[in-house]
């Protein structure tokens, strides 16, 4: 009887995705997990950079802005 040989799937491999702004390298290691990539690296092309983080407004900042708006809308006697 002949044994059927199954092709071996690699346990470690990379997938490379490229778009107009970035090159993403997704690294998989089936020894660690099979549910997703172990790490993802983003490399930005020339002329592009990582997105800038905007400062989130706190509740205090929103309250101060609301007070300023109310003061501007109040009619002066």
Protein backbone atom coordinates (compact mmCIF):
# COMPACT_ATOMS: atom_id res chain seq x y z
CA UNK A 1 0.00 0.00 0.00
CA UNK A 2 1.25 3.47 -0.86
CA UNK A 3 1.23 6.23 1.68
CA UNK A 4 -0.26 9.49 0.59
CA UNK A 5 2.12 12.32 1.30
CA UNK A 6 0.50 15.54 2.48
CA UNK A 7 2.32 18.72 1.51
CA UNK A 8 3.74 20.38 4.63
CA UNK A 9 2.37 23.79 5.43
CA UNK A 10 4.96 26.22 6.76
CA UNK A 11 4.63 27.08 10.45
CA UNK A 12 6.22 30.53 10.04
CA UNK A 13 5.48 32.79 7.10
CA UNK A 14 4.86 36.41 6.10
CA UNK A 15 2.23 38.11 3.98
CA UNK A 16 3.06 41.46 2.39
CA UNK A 17 0.30 43.91 1.47
CA UNK A 18 1.05 47.12 -0.39
CA UNK A 19 -1.13 50.14 -1.14
CA UNK A 20 -0.40 53.71 -2.23
CA UNK A 21 0.68 54.89 1.25
CA UNK A 22 2.06 51.89 3.14
CA UNK A 23 3.63 48.47 2.98
CA UNK A 24 2.23 46.10 5.64
CA UNK A 25 4.09 42.96 6.64
CA UNK A 26 1.93 40.44 8.51
CA UNK A 27 4.00 37.80 10.30
CA UNK A 28 2.40 34.47 11.22
CA UNK A 29 3.74 31.75 13.52
CA UNK A 30 1.51 28.71 13.92
CA UNK A 31 3.62 27.53 16.86
CA UNK A 32 2.34 30.56 18.81
CA UNK A 33 -1.24 30.94 17.53
CA UNK A 34 -3.41 29.96 14.60
CA UNK A 35 -6.02 32.66 15.08
CA UNK A 36 -4.14 35.55 13.48
CA UNK A 37 -0.83 37.27 12.86
CA UNK A 38 1.80 37.40 15.58
CA UNK A 39 2.88 40.90 14.53
CA UNK A 40 2.12 43.49 11.88
CA UNK A 41 4.70 46.03 10.70
CA UNK A 42 3.73 49.17 8.79
CA UNK A 43 6.29 50.93 6.62
CA UNK A 44 5.28 54.28 5.16
CA UNK A 45 6.38 55.25 1.69
CA UNK A 46 8.12 58.54 0.90
CA UNK A 47 5.83 61.51 1.24
CA UNK A 48 3.50 59.72 3.64
CA UNK A 49 3.69 59.44 7.41
CA UNK A 50 1.78 57.88 10.25
CA UNK A 51 -1.56 59.52 11.04
CA UNK A 52 -1.33 62.35 13.54
CA UNK A 53 -3.10 61.83 16.83
CA UNK A 54 -5.61 64.51 17.71
CA UNK A 55 -5.83 65.51 21.33
CA UNK A 56 -9.09 64.24 22.72
CA UNK A 57 -11.18 66.78 24.55
CA UNK A 58 -11.85 66.10 28.19
CA UNK A 59 -15.12 66.84 29.93
CA UNK A 60 -13.50 69.92 31.49
CA UNK A 61 -12.45 71.23 28.05
CA UNK A 62 -15.98 70.78 26.73
CA UNK A 63 -17.43 72.59 29.77
CA UNK A 64 -15.05 75.55 29.28
CA UNK A 65 -16.02 75.81 25.60
CA UNK A 66 -19.71 75.73 26.49
CA UNK A 67 -19.19 78.55 29.03
CA UNK A 68 -17.40 80.68 26.45
CA UNK A 69 -20.19 80.14 23.94
CA UNK A 70 -22.86 81.06 26.51
CA UNK A 71 -20.97 84.25 27.42
CA UNK A 72 -20.76 85.25 23.75
CA UNK A 73 -24.48 84.61 23.16
CA UNK A 74 -25.64 86.56 26.25
CA UNK A 75 -26.90 90.02 25.34
CA UNK A 76 -25.05 92.78 27.18
CA UNK A 77 -27.29 95.17 29.20
